[in-house]
Amino acid sequence: MNPILKDKINRMMSQTKATYLDSKTLYKGKFIELIEEDYILPNQVIMKRERIVKNHQKDAVIIVARTKDNHYILVSQNRINQMTTLEFPSGYVEPFESVAEASKRELLEETGYTCEEIDILDSYYTQLGIDSSLVYITLATSCEKIRSQNLGKYEYILYDTFSYDELRELIQRQYILGVGNKLAFYELNYENPDMIRTLRR
């Protein structure tokens, strides 16, 4: 990075950094915990923030899985408000796993597919104001079916494979709505700006 740019960024970030003071739990459920935290800003104002902890603050993975015949695996499952979604396979990174290991495990559990290689395409925070868990977008290549699904008690997931053109149409027609899934698709096209402009029209 350019030293001038690096110094500029470091100065901005250091001058806005708040200091943590204290926290308390407002609510704790099976999957979600709501925590209130106190910070003191550089101008000495004390600020309260509410932070959501999902699944013990585990990081997550979204797996763009490409088969040996260059099709992509999508899953369908139920989300909140009785919404049924189309999305890439996904799941949480367990404490004993690497991102690649979690990606392979979740792909195998949800679809029965395995892969030859996992690459990390990107990572992001879903909503930095309230959630500090990191989501990794990974690319699984040369995937092939080796067994049936191995789903948990509360999972009911269907899957199928789609060509790239079908995947693009699903994005355009708003069948794939999750921000992480859209970002994952755009990551496949980051070297082709014309494709991104076409999708966003």
C-alpha atoms as a PDB file:
ATOM      1  CA  MET A   1       0.000   0.000   0.000  1.00  0.00           C
ATOM      2  CA  ASN A   2       1.101   3.529  -0.701  1.00  0.00           C
ATOM      3  CA  PRO A   3       2.711   4.854   2.560  1.00  0.00           C
ATOM      4  CA  ILE A   4       0.784   8.133   2.347  1.00  0.00           C
ATOM      5  CA  LEU A   5      -2.525   6.299   1.951  1.00  0.00           C
ATOM      6  CA  LYS A   6      -1.638   3.900   4.772  1.00  0.00           C
ATOM      7  CA  ASP A   7      -0.797   6.785   7.106  1.00  0.00           C
ATOM      8  CA  LYS A   8      -4.037   8.557   6.177  1.00  0.00           C
ATOM      9  CA  ILE A   9      -6.141   5.483   6.951  1.00  0.00           C
ATOM     10  CA  ASN A  10      -4.324   4.693  10.205  1.00  0.00           C
ATOM     11  CA  ARG A  11      -4.771   8.292  11.394  1.00  0.00           C
ATOM     12  CA  MET A  12      -8.504   8.288  10.646  1.00  0.00           C
ATOM     13  CA  MET A  13      -9.070   4.932  12.330  1.00  0.00           C
ATOM     14  CA  SER A  14      -6.990   5.677  15.423  1.00  0.00           C
ATOM     15  CA  GLN A  15      -8.695   9.023  15.962  1.00  0.00           C
ATOM     16  CA  THR A  16     -12.168   7.472  15.908  1.00  0.00           C
ATOM     17  CA  LYS A  17     -11.443   4.357  17.989  1.00  0.00           C
ATOM     18  CA  ALA A  18     -13.678   3.967  21.054  1.00  0.00           C
ATOM     19  CA  THR A  19     -12.593   2.317  24.314  1.00  0.00           C
ATOM     20  CA  TYR A  20     -14.586  -0.625  25.679  1.00  0.00           C
ATOM     21  CA  LEU A  21     -15.893  -0.174  29.234  1.00  0.00           C
ATOM     22  CA  ASP A  22     -18.378  -2.887  30.189  1.00  0.00           C
ATOM     23  CA  SER A  23     -21.139  -5.201  28.931  1.00  0.00           C
ATOM     24  CA  LYS A  24     -24.213  -7.114  30.071  1.00  0.00           C
ATOM     25  CA  THR A  25     -26.449  -9.763  28.509  1.00  0.00           C
ATOM     26  CA  LEU A  26     -29.967  -8.524  27.723  1.00  0.00           C
ATOM     27  CA  TYR A  27     -31.280 -11.758  26.223  1.00  0.00           C
ATOM     28  CA  LYS A  28     -29.956 -15.274  25.653  1.00  0.00           C
ATOM     29  CA  GLY A  29     -31.762 -17.838  23.517  1.00  0.00           C
ATOM     30  CA  LYS A  30     -30.744 -21.103  21.897  1.00  0.00           C
ATOM     31  CA  PHE A  31     -29.160 -19.397  18.886  1.00  0.00           C
ATOM     32  CA  ILE A  32     -29.135 -15.646  19.540  1.00  0.00           C
ATOM     33  CA  GLU A  33     -27.652 -13.633  22.394  1.00  0.00           C
ATOM     34  CA  LEU A  34     -28.207  -9.885  22.730  1.00  0.00           C
ATOM     35  CA  ILE A  35     -25.485  -7.989  24.580  1.00  0.00           C
ATOM     36  CA  GLU A  36     -25.387  -4.338  25.622  1.00  0.00           C
ATOM     37  CA  GLU A  37     -21.887  -2.833  25.580  1.00  0.00           C
ATOM     38  CA  ASP A  38     -20.615   0.493  26.912  1.00  0.00           C
ATOM     39  CA  TYR A  39     -17.878   2.429  25.101  1.00  0.00           C
ATOM     40  CA  ILE A  40     -16.287   5.806  25.585  1.00  0.00           C
ATOM     41  CA  LEU A  41     -15.712   7.810  22.412  1.00  0.00           C
ATOM     42  CA  PRO A  42     -12.634   9.995  21.802  1.00  0.00           C
ATOM     43  CA  ASN A  43     -14.750  13.047  22.725  1.00  0.00           C
ATOM     44  CA  GLN A  44     -15.427  11.375  26.130  1.00  0.00           C
ATOM     45  CA  VAL A  45     -19.090  10.662  25.394  1.00  0.00           C
ATOM     46  CA  ILE A  46     -20.227   7.272  26.722  1.00  0.00           C
ATOM     47  CA  MET A  47     -22.094   5.308  24.078  1.00  0.00           C
ATOM     48  CA  LYS A  48     -24.195   2.153  24.454  1.00  0.00           C
ATOM     49  CA  ARG A  49     -24.241  -0.424  21.676  1.00  0.00           C
ATOM     50  CA  GLU A  50     -26.359  -3.552  21.299  1.00  0.00           C
ATOM     51  CA  ARG A  51     -24.515  -6.517  19.794  1.00  0.00           C
ATOM     52  CA  ILE A  52     -26.014  -9.737  18.448  1.00  0.00           C
ATOM     53  CA  VAL A  53     -24.066 -12.952  18.965  1.00  0.00           C
ATOM     54  CA  LYS A  54     -25.226 -15.723  16.629  1.00  0.00           C
ATOM     55  CA  ASN A  55     -24.367 -19.352  17.354  1.00  0.00           C
ATOM     56  CA  HIS A  56     -21.634 -18.471  19.900  1.00  0.00           C
ATOM     57  CA  GLN A  57     -20.110 -15.960  17.442  1.00  0.00           C
ATOM     58  CA  LYS A  58     -18.924 -18.594  15.012  1.00  0.00           C
ATOM     59  CA  ASP A  59     -17.729 -17.467  11.613  1.00  0.00           C
ATOM     60  CA  ALA A  60     -19.612 -18.774   8.572  1.00  0.00           C
ATOM     61  CA  VAL A  61     -18.961 -19.971   5.034  1.00  0.00           C
ATOM     62  CA  ILE A  62     -20.854 -19.624   1.748  1.00  0.00           C
ATOM     63  CA  ILE A  63     -19.677 -22.231  -0.729  1.00  0.00           C
ATOM     64  CA  VAL A  64     -19.810 -21.565  -4.459  1.00  0.00           C
ATOM     65  CA  ALA A  65     -19.629 -25.194  -5.566  1.00  0.00           C
ATOM     66  CA  ARG A  66     -18.789 -25.915  -9.198  1.00  0.00           C
ATOM     67  CA  THR A  67     -19.154 -29.462 -10.495  1.00  0.00           C
ATOM     68  CA  LYS A  68     -16.825 -31.248 -12.890  1.00  0.00           C
ATOM     69  CA  ASP A  69     -19.217 -30.451 -15.758  1.00  0.00           C
ATOM     70  CA  ASN A  70     -19.172 -26.735 -14.842  1.00  0.00           C
ATOM     71  CA  HIS A  71     -22.566 -26.509 -13.164  1.00  0.00           C
ATOM     72  CA  TYR A  72     -23.224 -24.794  -9.821  1.00  0.00           C
ATOM     73  CA  ILE A  73     -24.968 -26.311  -6.815  1.00  0.00           C
ATOM     74  CA  LEU A  74     -27.828 -24.402  -5.209  1.00  0.00           C
ATOM     75  CA  VAL A  75     -29.902 -25.447  -2.224  1.00  0.00           C
ATOM     76  CA  SER A  76     -33.465 -24.578  -1.247  1.00  0.00           C
ATOM     77  CA  GLN A  77     -34.591 -24.346   2.356  1.00  0.00           C
ATOM     78  CA  ASN A  78     -36.987 -22.495   4.634  1.00  0.00           C
ATOM     79  CA  ARG A  79     -35.972 -19.256   6.350  1.00  0.00           C
ATOM     80  CA  ILE A  80     -37.875 -16.791   8.544  1.00  0.00           C
ATOM     81  CA  ASN A  81     -41.396 -15.568   7.619  1.00  0.00           C
ATOM     82  CA  GLN A  82     -42.011 -18.862   5.773  1.00  0.00           C
ATOM     83  CA  MET A  83     -39.629 -17.659   3.078  1.00  0.00           C
ATOM     84  CA  THR A  84     -38.151 -20.375   0.896  1.00  0.00           C
ATOM     85  CA  THR A  85     -34.793 -19.420  -0.562  1.00  0.00           C
ATOM     86  CA  LEU A  86     -32.391 -20.438  -3.287  1.00  0.00           C
ATOM     87  CA  GLU A  87     -28.804 -20.059  -2.173  1.00  0.00           C
ATOM     88  CA  PHE A  88     -25.349 -21.538  -2.257  1.00  0.00           C
ATOM     89  CA  PRO A  89     -24.595 -24.168   0.408  1.00  0.00           C
ATOM     90  CA  SER A  90     -23.501 -22.551   3.664  1.00  0.00           C
ATOM     91  CA  GLY A  91     -22.894 -23.134   7.342  1.00  0.00           C
ATOM     92  CA  TYR A  92     -20.783 -22.322  10.383  1.00  0.00           C
ATOM     93  CA  VAL A  93     -17.102 -22.837  11.047  1.00  0.00           C
ATOM     94  CA  GLU A  94     -16.621 -24.995  14.122  1.00  0.00           C
ATOM     95  CA  PRO A  95     -13.823 -24.100  16.602  1.00  0.00           C
ATOM     96  CA  PHE A  96     -11.685 -27.065  15.512  1.00  0.00           C
ATOM     97  CA  GLU A  97     -11.986 -26.337  11.770  1.00  0.00           C
ATOM     98  CA  SER A  98     -10.291 -24.213   9.165  1.00  0.00           C
ATOM     99  CA  VAL A  99     -12.432 -22.312   6.666  1.00  0.00           C
ATOM    100  CA  ALA A 100     -11.603 -24.891   3.967  1.00  0.00           C
ATOM    101  CA  GLU A 101     -12.499 -27.799   6.257  1.00  0.00           C
ATOM    102  CA  ALA A 102     -15.829 -26.209   7.189  1.00  0.00           C
ATOM    103  CA  SER A 103     -16.616 -25.569   3.531  1.00  0.00           C
ATOM    104  CA  LYS A 104     -15.964 -29.187   2.575  1.00  0.00           C
ATOM    105  CA  ARG A 105     -17.968 -30.515   5.527  1.00  0.00           C
ATOM    106  CA  GLU A 106     -20.996 -28.286   4.933  1.00  0.00           C
ATOM    107  CA  LEU A 107     -21.002 -29.036   1.208  1.00  0.00           C
ATOM    108  CA  LEU A 108     -20.879 -32.769   1.881  1.00  0.00           C
ATOM    109  CA  GLU A 109     -23.586 -32.645   4.568  1.00  0.00           C
ATOM    110  CA  GLU A 110     -26.036 -30.518   2.589  1.00  0.00           C
ATOM    111  CA  THR A 111     -25.555 -32.039  -0.865  1.00  0.00           C
ATOM    112  CA  GLY A 112     -23.448 -35.202  -0.704  1.00  0.00           C
ATOM    113  CA  TYR A 113     -20.867 -33.585  -2.990  1.00  0.00           C
ATOM    114  CA  THR A 114     -17.142 -33.461  -2.334  1.00  0.00           C
ATOM    115  CA  CYS A 115     -14.539 -31.299  -4.065  1.00  0.00           C
ATOM    116  CA  GLU A 116     -10.900 -31.345  -5.065  1.00  0.00           C
ATOM    117  CA  GLU A 117      -9.997 -27.841  -3.949  1.00  0.00           C
ATOM    118  CA  ILE A 118     -11.270 -24.935  -1.831  1.00  0.00           C
ATOM    119  CA  ASP A 119     -10.227 -21.322  -2.434  1.00  0.00           C
ATOM    120  CA  ILE A 120     -11.277 -18.282  -0.387  1.00  0.00           C
ATOM    121  CA  LEU A 121     -12.748 -15.659  -2.725  1.00  0.00           C
ATOM    122  CA  ASP A 122     -13.640 -12.986  -0.180  1.00  0.00           C
ATOM    123  CA  SER A 123     -14.824 -12.314   3.368  1.00  0.00           C
ATOM    124  CA  TYR A 124     -17.191  -9.758   4.871  1.00  0.00           C
ATOM    125  CA  TYR A 125     -19.145  -8.707   7.956  1.00  0.00           C
ATOM    126  CA  THR A 126     -22.896  -8.938   7.462  1.00  0.00           C
ATOM    127  CA  GLN A 127     -23.737  -5.914   9.616  1.00  0.00           C
ATOM    128  CA  LEU A 128     -20.772  -4.415  11.479  1.00  0.00           C
ATOM    129  CA  GLY A 129     -22.961  -2.206  13.649  1.00  0.00           C
ATOM    130  CA  ILE A 130     -24.412  -5.185  15.536  1.00  0.00           C
ATOM    131  CA  ASP A 131     -22.619  -8.403  14.506  1.00  0.00           C
ATOM    132  CA  SER A 132     -18.868  -9.129  14.477  1.00  0.00           C
ATOM    133  CA  SER A 133     -18.939 -12.621  12.943  1.00  0.00           C
ATOM    134  CA  LEU A 134     -17.037 -13.000   9.676  1.00  0.00           C
ATOM    135  CA  VAL A 135     -18.502 -14.696   6.599  1.00  0.00           C
ATOM    136  CA  TYR A 136     -16.127 -16.311   4.105  1.00  0.00           C
ATOM    137  CA  ILE A 137     -17.032 -16.882   0.466  1.00  0.00           C
ATOM    138  CA  THR A 138     -15.260 -19.959  -0.823  1.00  0.00           C
ATOM    139  CA  LEU A 139     -15.028 -21.628  -4.224  1.00  0.00           C
ATOM    140  CA  ALA A 140     -15.190 -25.423  -4.355  1.00  0.00           C
ATOM    141  CA  THR A 141     -14.047 -26.819  -7.696  1.00  0.00           C
ATOM    142  CA  SER A 142     -14.403 -30.143  -9.526  1.00  0.00           C
ATOM    143  CA  CYS A 143     -17.228 -31.228  -7.223  1.00  0.00           C
ATOM    144  CA  GLU A 144     -18.696 -34.693  -7.589  1.00  0.00           C
ATOM    145  CA  LYS A 145     -21.489 -36.591  -5.863  1.00  0.00           C
ATOM    146  CA  ILE A 146     -20.218 -39.344  -3.561  1.00  0.00           C
ATOM    147  CA  ARG A 147     -23.071 -39.982  -1.115  1.00  0.00           C
ATOM    148  CA  SER A 148     -26.519 -38.888   0.062  1.00  0.00           C
ATOM    149  CA  GLN A 149     -27.192 -35.862   2.254  1.00  0.00           C
ATOM    150  CA  ASN A 150     -26.459 -35.992   5.987  1.00  0.00           C
ATOM    151  CA  LEU A 151     -28.778 -33.359   7.437  1.00  0.00           C
ATOM    152  CA  GLY A 152     -29.438 -32.355  11.021  1.00  0.00           C
ATOM    153  CA  LYS A 153     -32.788 -32.904  12.741  1.00  0.00           C
ATOM    154  CA  TYR A 154     -34.032 -29.386  11.967  1.00  0.00           C
ATOM    155  CA  GLU A 155     -32.721 -29.210   8.401  1.00  0.00           C
ATOM    156  CA  TYR A 156     -34.824 -29.920   5.328  1.00  0.00           C
ATOM    157  CA  ILE A 157     -32.774 -29.015   2.259  1.00  0.00           C
ATOM    158  CA  LEU A 158     -33.218 -29.794  -1.418  1.00  0.00           C
ATOM    159  CA  TYR A 159     -30.490 -29.162  -3.979  1.00  0.00           C
ATOM    160  CA  ASP A 160     -29.892 -29.205  -7.725  1.00  0.00           C
ATOM    161  CA  THR A 161     -27.267 -28.093 -10.221  1.00  0.00           C
ATOM    162  CA  PHE A 162     -27.533 -25.111 -12.574  1.00  0.00           C
ATOM    163  CA  SER A 163     -25.557 -23.843 -15.529  1.00  0.00           C
ATOM    164  CA  TYR A 164     -23.824 -20.491 -15.282  1.00  0.00           C
ATOM    165  CA  ASP A 165     -26.472 -18.895 -17.530  1.00  0.00           C
ATOM    166  CA  GLU A 166     -29.240 -20.305 -15.321  1.00  0.00           C
ATOM    167  CA  LEU A 167     -27.453 -18.977 -12.253  1.00  0.00           C
ATOM    168  CA  ARG A 168     -27.204 -15.540 -13.829  1.00  0.00           C
ATOM    169  CA  GLU A 169     -30.919 -15.571 -14.684  1.00  0.00           C
ATOM    170  CA  LEU A 170     -31.817 -16.526 -11.107  1.00  0.00           C
ATOM    171  CA  ILE A 171     -29.838 -13.508  -9.885  1.00  0.00           C
ATOM    172  CA  GLN A 172     -31.461 -11.190 -12.435  1.00  0.00           C
ATOM    173  CA  ARG A 173     -34.983 -12.416 -11.654  1.00  0.00           C
ATOM    174  CA  GLN A 174     -34.492 -12.043  -7.878  1.00  0.00           C
ATOM    175  CA  TYR A 175     -34.745 -15.723  -6.981  1.00  0.00           C
ATOM    176  CA  ILE A 176     -31.430 -15.369  -5.130  1.00  0.00           C
ATOM    177  CA  LEU A 177     -31.855 -12.514  -2.663  1.00  0.00           C
ATOM    178  CA  GLY A 178     -29.344 -13.007   0.154  1.00  0.00           C
ATOM    179  CA  VAL A 179     -26.627 -10.348   0.125  1.00  0.00           C
ATOM    180  CA  GLY A 180     -23.887 -12.911   0.739  1.00  0.00           C
ATOM    181  CA  ASN A 181     -25.105 -15.069  -2.130  1.00  0.00           C
ATOM    182  CA  LYS A 182     -25.251 -12.107  -4.511  1.00  0.00           C
ATOM    183  CA  LEU A 183     -21.749 -11.073  -3.490  1.00  0.00           C
ATOM    184  CA  ALA A 184     -20.589 -14.657  -4.043  1.00  0.00           C
ATOM    185  CA  PHE A 185     -21.983 -14.583  -7.581  1.00  0.00           C
ATOM    186  CA  TYR A 186     -20.379 -11.218  -8.324  1.00  0.00           C
ATOM    187  CA  GLU A 187     -17.058 -12.626  -7.110  1.00  0.00           C
ATOM    188  CA  LEU A 188     -17.246 -15.088 -10.005  1.00  0.00           C
ATOM    189  CA  ASN A 189     -17.369 -12.111 -12.363  1.00  0.00           C
ATOM    190  CA  TYR A 190     -14.979  -9.620 -10.787  1.00  0.00           C
ATOM    191  CA  GLU A 191     -12.673  -9.803 -13.821  1.00  0.00           C
ATOM    192  CA  ASN A 192     -15.562  -9.001 -16.154  1.00  0.00           C
ATOM    193  CA  PRO A 193     -16.965  -5.523 -15.329  1.00  0.00           C
ATOM    194  CA  ASP A 194     -19.314  -5.608 -18.328  1.00  0.00           C
ATOM    195  CA  MET A 195     -21.063  -8.631 -16.826  1.00  0.00           C
ATOM    196  CA  ILE A 196     -21.583  -6.797 -13.518  1.00  0.00           C
ATOM    197  CA  ARG A 197     -23.023  -3.762 -15.289  1.00  0.00           C
ATOM    198  CA  THR A 198     -25.435  -5.997 -17.232  1.00  0.00           C
ATOM    199  CA  LEU A 199     -26.608  -7.692 -14.023  1.00  0.00           C
ATOM    200  CA  ARG A 200     -27.214  -4.403 -12.207  1.00  0.00           C
ATOM    201  CA  ARG A 201     -29.262  -2.725 -14.944  1.00  0.00           C
END
